Protein backbone atom coordinates (compact mmCIF):
# COMPACT_ATOMS: atom_id res chain seq x y z
CA MET A 1 0.01 -0.08 -0.13
CA PHE A 2 2.68 2.32 1.06
CA GLU A 3 4.33 1.74 -2.15
CA ALA A 4 1.73 2.07 -4.07
CA LEU A 5 1.02 5.77 -2.70
CA LYS A 6 4.83 6.38 -3.13
CA ARG A 7 4.62 5.99 -6.66
CA TRP A 8 1.12 7.98 -6.86
CA LEU A 9 2.78 10.84 -5.51
CA ASP A 10 5.94 10.81 -7.44
CA ALA A 11 3.56 10.55 -10.49
CA LEU A 12 1.49 13.34 -9.39
CA LYS A 13 1.26 16.67 -11.33
CA PHE A 14 -1.08 19.09 -9.48
CA ASP A 15 -1.09 23.21 -9.95
CA PHE A 16 -0.45 23.70 -6.50
CA VAL A 17 0.22 27.36 -7.34
CA SER A 18 -3.10 28.19 -8.90
CA TRP A 19 -5.14 27.40 -5.26
CA ARG A 20 -2.91 30.03 -3.44
CA TYR A 21 -5.61 32.99 -3.38
CA LEU A 22 -7.86 30.47 -1.90
CA ALA A 23 -6.08 28.84 0.16
CA GLY A 24 -4.73 32.13 1.65
CA GLY A 25 -7.99 33.40 1.79
CA ILE A 26 -8.97 30.51 4.21
CA SER A 27 -5.82 30.83 5.93
CA ALA A 28 -6.30 34.18 7.00
CA LEU A 29 -9.71 34.07 7.55
CA LEU A 30 -8.88 31.08 10.52
CA VAL A 31 -5.58 33.02 12.04
CA LEU A 32 -8.07 36.26 12.56
CA LEU A 33 -10.78 34.07 14.25
CA SER A 34 -8.18 32.26 15.96
CA TRP A 35 -6.87 35.86 17.60
CA ALA A 36 -10.55 36.71 18.09
CA VAL A 37 -11.39 33.65 20.16
CA PHE A 38 -8.11 34.46 22.31
CA ALA A 39 -8.96 37.76 22.90
CA VAL A 40 -12.94 37.43 23.51
CA VAL A 41 -12.85 33.70 24.93
CA GLY A 42 -9.69 33.94 26.47
CA PRO A 43 -7.03 30.60 27.08
CA ASN A 44 -7.51 28.24 30.15
CA TRP A 45 -4.15 29.32 31.64
CA GLY A 46 -2.32 26.80 33.92
CA ILE A 47 -0.82 27.15 36.95
CA ASP A 48 2.24 27.54 35.62
CA PHE A 49 0.82 30.79 34.16
CA THR A 50 -1.50 32.23 36.85
CA GLY A 51 -0.11 30.73 40.05
CA GLY A 52 -1.38 28.33 42.37
CA THR A 53 -1.50 24.74 43.44
CA GLU A 54 -1.70 21.72 41.61
CA ILE A 55 -2.16 18.68 43.96
CA HIS A 56 -2.18 14.73 42.56
CA LEU A 57 -4.30 12.56 44.66
CA ALA A 58 -4.97 8.88 45.03
CA PHE A 59 -7.68 7.20 47.01
CA GLY A 60 -6.99 3.73 48.13
CA GLU A 61 -5.74 1.71 51.10
CA TYR A 62 -2.64 -0.14 51.66
CA ASN A 63 -2.30 -4.24 51.22
CA GLU A 64 -0.96 -6.84 53.05
CA ALA A 65 2.34 -5.92 51.87
CA GLU A 66 2.51 -2.40 52.77
CA GLU A 67 1.65 -1.51 49.12
CA TRP A 68 -0.58 1.67 48.46
CA VAL A 69 -3.79 0.07 45.82
CA VAL A 70 -6.09 2.81 44.14
CA THR A 71 -9.29 2.10 44.84
CA PRO A 72 -12.48 3.25 42.19
CA THR A 73 -13.73 6.61 43.51
CA ASP A 74 -16.43 8.52 41.88
CA ILE A 75 -15.52 11.96 40.81
CA ALA A 76 -18.56 13.26 41.78
CA GLU A 77 -17.82 12.57 45.12
CA VAL A 78 -14.72 14.41 45.16
CA ARG A 79 -16.06 17.31 43.44
CA GLY A 80 -19.30 17.53 46.06
CA ALA A 81 -16.70 17.04 49.07
CA LEU A 82 -14.09 19.84 47.65
CA ARG A 83 -17.19 22.22 46.64
CA THR A 84 -17.37 23.05 50.44
CA LEU A 85 -14.27 24.59 50.11
CA GLY A 86 -15.33 26.72 47.32
CA LEU A 87 -13.55 24.80 44.58
CA SER A 88 -15.65 24.72 41.20
CA ASP A 89 -16.36 21.18 39.39
CA ASP A 90 -13.75 21.82 36.87
CA ALA A 91 -11.23 22.32 39.37
CA VAL A 92 -10.64 18.43 39.81
CA GLN A 93 -9.95 16.28 36.58
CA ALA A 94 -9.94 12.83 36.69
CA ILE A 95 -6.68 10.82 35.57
CA ASN A 96 -7.94 7.82 33.27
CA GLY A 97 -11.81 7.71 33.81
CA SER A 98 -14.20 9.36 36.02
CA GLU A 99 -13.63 6.67 38.61
CA SER A 100 -10.12 5.77 38.10
CA GLY A 101 -9.30 7.30 41.75
CA GLU A 102 -6.56 9.20 40.96
CA PHE A 103 -7.41 12.88 40.32
CA ILE A 104 -6.05 16.00 39.90
CA VAL A 105 -7.04 18.93 42.00
CA ARG A 106 -6.03 22.68 40.57
CA ILE A 107 -6.47 25.59 43.01
CA GLN A 108 -5.68 28.64 40.89
CA ASP A 109 -6.28 30.80 43.82
CA ALA A 110 -3.14 31.57 45.19
CA THR A 111 -4.20 32.90 48.28
CA PHE A 112 -6.09 29.52 49.00
CA GLY A 113 -5.08 27.78 52.53
CA MET A 114 -3.45 31.39 53.55
CA GLU A 115 -6.45 32.48 55.88
CA GLY A 116 -5.76 30.67 59.07
CA LEU A 117 -1.86 30.85 58.58
CA GLU A 118 -2.26 34.83 58.41
CA LEU A 119 -3.86 34.74 61.46
CA GLU A 120 -1.65 32.53 63.45
CA VAL A 121 1.27 34.63 62.20
CA ARG A 122 -0.45 37.88 63.14
CA ASN A 123 -1.26 36.40 66.78
CA ALA A 124 2.03 34.97 67.07
CA LEU A 125 3.62 38.32 66.62
CA ILE A 126 1.35 40.27 68.87
CA GLU A 127 2.45 37.62 71.06
CA GLU A 128 5.53 38.36 71.44
CA TYR A 129 5.75 41.98 71.06
CA GLU A 130 3.07 44.93 71.92
CA GLU A 131 0.24 45.24 69.44
CA SER A 132 0.83 48.85 68.76
CA TRP A 133 4.24 47.40 67.40
CA LEU A 134 2.74 45.63 64.37
CA VAL A 135 1.58 48.45 61.95
CA ASP A 136 0.65 46.43 58.82
CA MET A 137 1.20 43.20 57.48
CA GLN A 138 0.75 42.33 53.93
CA SER A 139 0.61 38.38 52.74
CA SER A 140 1.40 36.94 49.45
CA ALA A 141 1.54 33.23 48.22
CA GLU A 142 4.58 31.83 46.21
CA VAL A 143 6.05 28.54 46.77
CA SER A 144 5.64 29.24 50.63
CA ALA A 145 3.42 32.02 52.49
CA ARG A 146 5.03 34.99 52.56
CA PHE A 147 4.32 38.31 54.71
CA VAL A 148 5.79 41.66 54.85
CA VAL A 149 5.66 43.10 58.03
CA THR A 150 5.75 46.84 58.92
CA TYR A 151 6.29 48.07 62.69
CA SER A 152 7.03 50.75 64.56
CA GLY A 153 9.38 51.94 67.36
CA PRO A 154 13.02 51.18 67.23
CA TYR A 155 15.00 48.63 65.01
CA THR A 156 14.39 45.11 65.83
CA ASP A 157 16.66 42.37 64.69
CA TYR A 158 15.11 40.35 62.36
CA LYS A 159 17.03 37.11 63.75
CA LYS A 160 15.27 38.02 67.07
CA VAL A 161 12.10 38.14 65.42
CA GLN A 162 12.88 34.73 63.47
CA ALA A 163 13.67 32.94 66.74
CA ASP A 164 10.69 34.93 68.63
CA ILE A 165 8.15 33.74 65.86
CA ARG A 166 9.78 30.14 65.57
CA LYS A 167 8.30 29.17 68.98
CA HIS A 168 4.98 29.19 67.37
CA LEU A 169 5.62 28.03 63.77
CA PRO A 170 8.95 26.36 63.72
CA GLN A 171 9.65 26.02 60.22
CA ALA A 172 9.45 30.26 59.99
CA SER A 173 12.02 32.26 58.69
CA ALA A 174 12.91 35.93 58.64
CA GLN A 175 15.02 38.53 56.73
CA ILE A 176 15.53 42.12 56.39
CA GLY A 177 12.51 44.31 54.22
CA SER A 178 13.19 46.51 51.30
CA GLU A 179 12.13 49.32 53.40
CA GLU A 180 12.85 50.66 57.00
CA ASN A 181 11.01 49.15 59.61
CA GLN A 182 10.15 46.07 57.80
CA ILE A 183 10.46 42.32 58.02
CA VAL A 184 9.64 39.79 55.96
CA ILE A 185 8.56 36.53 57.26
CA GLN A 186 8.45 33.15 55.61
CA VAL A 187 6.17 30.07 56.02
CA PRO A 188 7.03 27.30 54.49
CA GLY A 189 4.52 24.07 53.88
CA LEU A 190 1.59 25.79 52.66
CA SER A 191 0.75 22.84 50.23
CA GLU A 192 0.33 20.74 53.48
CA ARG A 193 -2.04 23.14 54.66
CA ILE A 194 -4.02 22.85 51.70
CA ARG A 195 -3.89 18.73 51.59
CA GLU A 196 -5.26 19.18 55.31
CA ARG A 197 -8.31 21.18 54.36
CA ILE A 198 -8.85 19.13 51.77
CA ALA A 199 -8.57 15.75 53.76
CA GLU A 200 -11.56 17.91 56.28
CA ALA A 201 -13.28 18.22 53.55
CA ILE A 202 -13.72 14.78 51.87
CA GLY A 203 -14.09 12.85 55.69
CA ASP A 204 -12.92 9.45 56.46
CA LYS A 205 -11.88 8.46 52.57
CA PRO A 206 -7.98 7.58 52.67
CA PHE A 207 -5.83 9.29 50.09
CA GLU A 208 -2.65 9.63 49.33
CA VAL A 209 -0.70 12.81 47.90
CA ARG A 210 0.87 11.82 44.82
CA SER A 211 2.85 14.74 43.84
CA THR A 212 2.16 18.99 45.03
CA ASP A 213 3.35 21.68 42.48
CA ALA A 214 3.24 25.63 43.87
CA VAL A 215 3.65 28.55 41.33
CA GLY A 216 3.31 31.93 43.04
CA PRO A 217 1.54 34.52 40.71
CA LYS A 218 4.50 37.14 40.03
CA VAL A 219 6.52 33.80 39.23
CA GLY A 220 3.80 32.78 36.40
CA GLY A 221 3.27 36.11 35.20
CA GLU A 222 6.40 36.24 34.11
CA LEU A 223 6.78 32.61 32.43
CA ARG A 224 3.65 33.90 30.57
CA ARG A 225 5.51 36.76 29.26
CA GLN A 226 8.91 35.28 28.35
CA GLY A 227 7.00 32.16 26.74
CA PHE A 228 5.61 34.65 24.18
CA ILE A 229 8.86 36.65 24.11
CA SER A 230 10.62 33.19 23.32
CA ILE A 231 7.66 32.43 20.33
CA ALA A 232 8.14 36.02 18.80
CA ALA A 233 12.22 36.00 19.39
CA THR A 234 11.90 32.55 17.41
CA LEU A 235 9.97 34.06 14.43
CA GLY A 236 12.67 36.55 13.93
CA LEU A 237 15.56 34.72 13.78
CA VAL A 238 13.90 32.58 11.34
CA LEU A 239 13.16 35.46 9.55
CA LEU A 240 16.78 36.23 9.31
CA TYR A 241 17.98 32.76 8.79
CA VAL A 242 15.83 32.02 5.41
CA ALA A 243 16.58 36.10 4.36
CA PHE A 244 20.40 35.16 4.44
CA ARG A 245 20.36 31.13 3.69
CA PHE A 246 18.32 31.85 0.54
CA ASP A 247 16.69 35.22 -0.37
CA ILE A 248 15.00 38.01 1.62
CA GLY A 249 11.92 36.94 -1.11
CA PHE A 250 11.78 33.56 0.59
CA ALA A 251 11.79 34.86 4.38
CA PRO A 252 8.46 36.47 4.60
CA GLY A 253 6.82 33.41 3.47
CA ALA A 254 8.34 30.75 6.44
CA VAL A 255 7.51 33.29 8.93
CA VAL A 256 3.96 33.72 7.65
CA ALA A 257 3.47 30.21 7.09
CA LEU A 258 4.97 29.58 11.31
CA PHE A 259 2.75 32.25 12.85
CA HIS A 260 -0.18 30.75 10.66
CA ASP A 261 0.51 27.28 12.36
CA VAL A 262 1.35 28.28 15.76
CA SER A 263 -2.00 30.71 15.75
CA LEU A 264 -4.79 27.86 14.53
CA THR A 265 -3.03 25.42 17.07
CA VAL A 266 -3.71 28.24 19.59
CA GLY A 267 -6.95 29.02 18.55
CA ILE A 268 -8.56 25.02 18.73
CA PHE A 269 -7.03 25.14 22.12
CA VAL A 270 -8.63 27.93 23.47
CA LEU A 271 -11.63 27.04 21.79
CA LEU A 272 -11.47 23.46 23.27
CA GLN A 273 -10.88 25.45 26.70
CA LEU A 274 -7.74 23.22 26.71
CA GLU A 275 -5.14 23.80 29.70
CA PHE A 276 -2.38 26.52 28.32
CA ASN A 277 0.63 25.65 30.57
CA LEU A 278 4.30 25.53 29.86
CA PRO A 279 4.60 22.35 28.22
CA MET A 280 2.15 23.81 25.11
CA ILE A 281 5.19 26.66 24.79
CA GLY A 282 7.14 23.86 24.26
CA ALA A 283 4.93 22.37 22.09
CA LEU A 284 4.14 25.81 19.91
CA LEU A 285 8.21 26.01 19.32
CA THR A 286 8.73 22.41 18.52
CA ILE A 287 5.75 23.05 15.70
CA VAL A 288 7.75 25.81 14.60
CA GLY A 289 10.73 23.66 14.29
CA TYR A 290 9.02 21.03 12.58
CA SER A 291 7.27 22.97 9.88
CA LEU A 292 10.05 25.06 9.50
CA ASN A 293 12.27 22.32 8.83
CA ASP A 294 9.40 21.06 5.86
CA THR A 295 9.57 24.57 4.56
CA ILE A 296 13.24 24.74 4.33
CA VAL A 297 13.38 21.32 2.03
CA ILE A 298 11.19 22.76 -0.61
CA TYR A 299 12.84 26.45 -0.18
CA ASP A 300 16.25 24.78 -1.46
CA ARG A 301 14.46 22.73 -4.23
CA ILE A 302 12.85 25.69 -5.40
CA ARG A 303 16.38 27.64 -5.41
CA GLU A 304 18.01 24.42 -6.96
CA ASN A 305 15.77 24.57 -9.89
CA ARG A 306 15.79 28.22 -10.17
CA ASP A 307 19.40 27.64 -10.53
CA ARG A 308 18.99 25.15 -13.21
CA HIS A 309 15.91 26.38 -15.20
CA ARG A 310 16.43 30.61 -15.45
CA ARG A 311 14.27 30.65 -17.89
CA SER A 312 11.38 28.96 -16.57
CA GLU A 313 8.22 30.69 -15.20
CA VAL A 314 8.36 31.21 -11.07
CA GLU A 315 5.22 29.57 -10.71
CA GLU A 316 6.22 26.37 -12.97
CA LEU A 317 9.28 26.14 -10.48
CA ILE A 318 7.33 26.34 -7.02
CA ASN A 319 5.00 23.43 -8.55
CA VAL A 320 7.64 21.17 -10.05
CA SER A 321 9.60 21.82 -6.56
CA ILE A 322 6.75 20.77 -4.22
CA SER A 323 5.79 17.76 -6.42
CA GLU A 324 9.52 16.77 -6.29
CA THR A 325 9.60 16.62 -2.51
CA LEU A 326 5.79 15.83 -1.95
CA THR A 327 6.84 12.41 -1.09
CA ARG A 328 9.23 13.04 1.43
CA THR A 329 6.44 15.53 2.77
CA VAL A 330 3.62 13.13 3.10
CA ALA A 331 6.33 10.49 4.27
CA THR A 332 7.89 12.49 6.92
CA SER A 333 4.34 13.97 8.30
CA LEU A 334 2.25 10.31 8.44
CA THR A 335 5.47 8.63 10.55
CA THR A 336 5.53 11.81 12.84
CA MET A 337 1.99 11.70 13.41
CA MET A 338 1.73 8.14 13.94
CA ALA A 339 4.66 8.45 16.90
CA ILE A 340 2.29 11.37 18.13
CA LEU A 341 -0.41 9.41 18.08
CA MET A 342 0.75 6.72 20.51
CA PHE A 343 1.38 9.52 22.49
CA LEU A 344 -1.96 10.76 22.66
CA ILE A 345 -3.66 7.99 23.22
CA LEU A 346 -1.05 6.13 25.60
CA GLY A 347 0.67 9.11 27.28
CA GLY A 348 -1.76 9.79 29.80
CA PRO A 349 -2.85 13.18 30.93
CA VAL A 350 0.71 14.26 31.68
CA ILE A 351 1.81 14.78 28.07
CA ARG A 352 -1.72 14.72 26.16
CA ASN A 353 -2.37 18.16 25.35
CA PHE A 354 1.15 18.48 24.61
CA ALA A 355 0.59 15.61 21.60
CA PHE A 356 -2.17 17.10 21.01
CA ALA A 357 -0.74 20.27 19.79
CA MET A 358 1.97 18.32 18.28
CA PHE A 359 -0.58 16.43 16.17
CA LEU A 360 -2.28 19.56 15.27
CA GLY A 361 0.98 21.53 14.46
CA ILE A 362 2.18 18.91 11.93
CA ILE A 363 -1.03 18.98 10.31
CA PHE A 364 -1.11 22.78 9.82
CA GLY A 365 2.47 22.47 9.03
CA THR A 366 2.55 20.45 6.14
CA TYR A 367 -0.43 22.45 4.92
CA SER A 368 1.21 25.59 5.62
CA THR A 369 4.39 24.38 4.11
CA VAL A 370 2.50 24.05 0.32
CA PHE A 371 0.18 26.33 0.13
CA VAL A 372 1.20 29.22 2.29
CA ALA A 373 5.28 29.50 2.56
CA SER A 374 5.63 28.23 -1.16
CA PRO A 375 3.11 30.92 -2.52
CA MET A 376 4.29 33.69 -0.72
CA ILE A 377 7.34 33.36 -2.82
CA LEU A 378 5.19 34.86 -6.21
CA VAL A 379 3.75 37.96 -3.64
CA MET A 380 7.23 39.00 -3.03
CA GLU A 381 8.33 38.91 -6.67
CA ASP A 382 5.24 41.08 -7.28
CA VAL A 383 6.03 43.41 -4.26
CA LYS A 384 10.11 43.48 -5.65
CA PRO A 385 9.25 45.98 -8.30
CA TRP A 386 7.23 48.37 -5.83
CA LEU A 387 10.53 48.24 -3.46
CA ALA A 388 12.68 48.84 -6.75
CA LYS A 389 10.60 52.22 -7.14
CA LEU A 390 10.78 53.42 -3.48
CA VAL A 391 14.58 52.45 -3.49
CA ALA A 392 14.73 54.59 -6.80
CA VAL A 393 12.91 57.42 -5.70
CA ARG A 394 15.19 57.25 -2.50
CA ASP A 395 18.25 57.77 -5.27
CA LEU A 396 16.44 60.62 -6.78
CA ASP A 397 16.00 62.43 -3.86
CA ASP A 398 19.66 62.07 -2.69
CA ASP A 399 21.19 62.93 -5.95
CA GLU A 400 18.81 66.19 -6.12
CA GLY A 401 21.02 67.76 -3.74
CA ASP A 402 24.37 67.02 -5.82
CA ASP A 403 26.07 69.90 -7.64
CA ASP A 404 26.45 67.64 -10.71
CA GLY A 405 23.45 68.67 -12.50
CA PRO A 406 20.01 67.38 -12.39
CA ALA A 407 19.36 64.14 -11.06
CA MET A 408 19.18 60.97 -13.34
CA THR A 409 16.85 58.06 -13.13
CA GLU A 410 18.02 54.70 -13.19
CA SER A 411 17.16 54.02 -16.80
CA GLU A 412 19.07 57.03 -17.62
CA LYS A 413 22.45 55.99 -16.05
CA ARG A 414 22.62 52.61 -17.71
CA ARG A 415 21.96 54.29 -20.98
CA ARG A 416 24.61 56.69 -20.30
CA ALA A 417 26.82 53.95 -19.29
CA ARG A 418 26.20 52.46 -22.43
CA ALA A 419 26.74 55.44 -24.18
CA ASP A 420 30.21 55.91 -22.58
CA ALA A 421 31.11 52.58 -23.66
CA ASP A 422 30.24 52.69 -27.39
CA LYS A 423 32.41 55.72 -27.67
CA ARG A 424 35.43 54.26 -25.96
CA GLU A 425 34.98 51.25 -28.41
CA VAL A 426 34.70 53.67 -31.60
CA GLY A 427 37.86 55.45 -30.41
């Protein structure tokens, strides 16, 4: 079957370029819709970008061999219990089925679990010092609970505050604040307090915590900013590389195709409200790399054919080049999709979104290489005369200030050069 497909692709003669206007219009519409959905609906940001805590719970019990055995548990029961903590139903997601007994609890409120801890710190400080000593206390939740304490009176050594606060909270630490009369107190173990609150809500049903991830809101915002900067920087470097490696007329097509692939993948993730986290940024950068590799292969063949057949039309060169590399493009895409499909089916929830993004990226990347990146060369060929006119106008403006006489156009300069050469031959 694969050999027959290969022979069919090798013999295929198709006018790809003639579809460029229809394909370009559809692609532009889909890109606009993707970013409209991004702006209106908004992505489902993961805790990597918003801050919060993610806890992996497994319900079950220990067997005779002291091994934890997961017990099937209905997700509705878990959601009902956690609803008493003010968590919405979508904060709980089952792993491998709604009754598998393993769940991911995502708490995107970075201050969740801070209420009682803040009161404990305040009471401890008031007990060790006078109530008038504590002027203000601001709290924030990063990996640990952080309290910025402003006090009145003479200077108080942070080491003394640390020793006093540890009488009540043994793991607490203190350091000098950024302003005068300010001390920063940090109390680790915020995720453990969240676990205790979940245990109280669930009741007597035993569970264990398989893993806990906590990200502060400031860190999450910085990660989100750096993620988008990395994608923009990658597209800029691709523009420079393709312009240097091939021709300036090839570069915009490669960047437009990559932007197309990333935009459509992001749009589908937002539309389906799939979680947008750090692995998703990695998937988008991987899509850029894959699509660029496919584009470079076709660009290289176009350049070879252009050097070999200089009198051929550009449209014909592009069609021939795409046809010559079509077997390689389809084979690479199909084999990569088969590998990604296994990750998508068997990879589990941790890698599923990454695999789905890659799956979409391969489809969009294969399409954009043929119907977006390559036809953009024709667009740049149409734009080049306009750019040449702009350069000519600029040269004309520069020559107007010379003292050698009136400015000449480029065609007049060439005619004068030929006339001078003819005079030298006659002489």
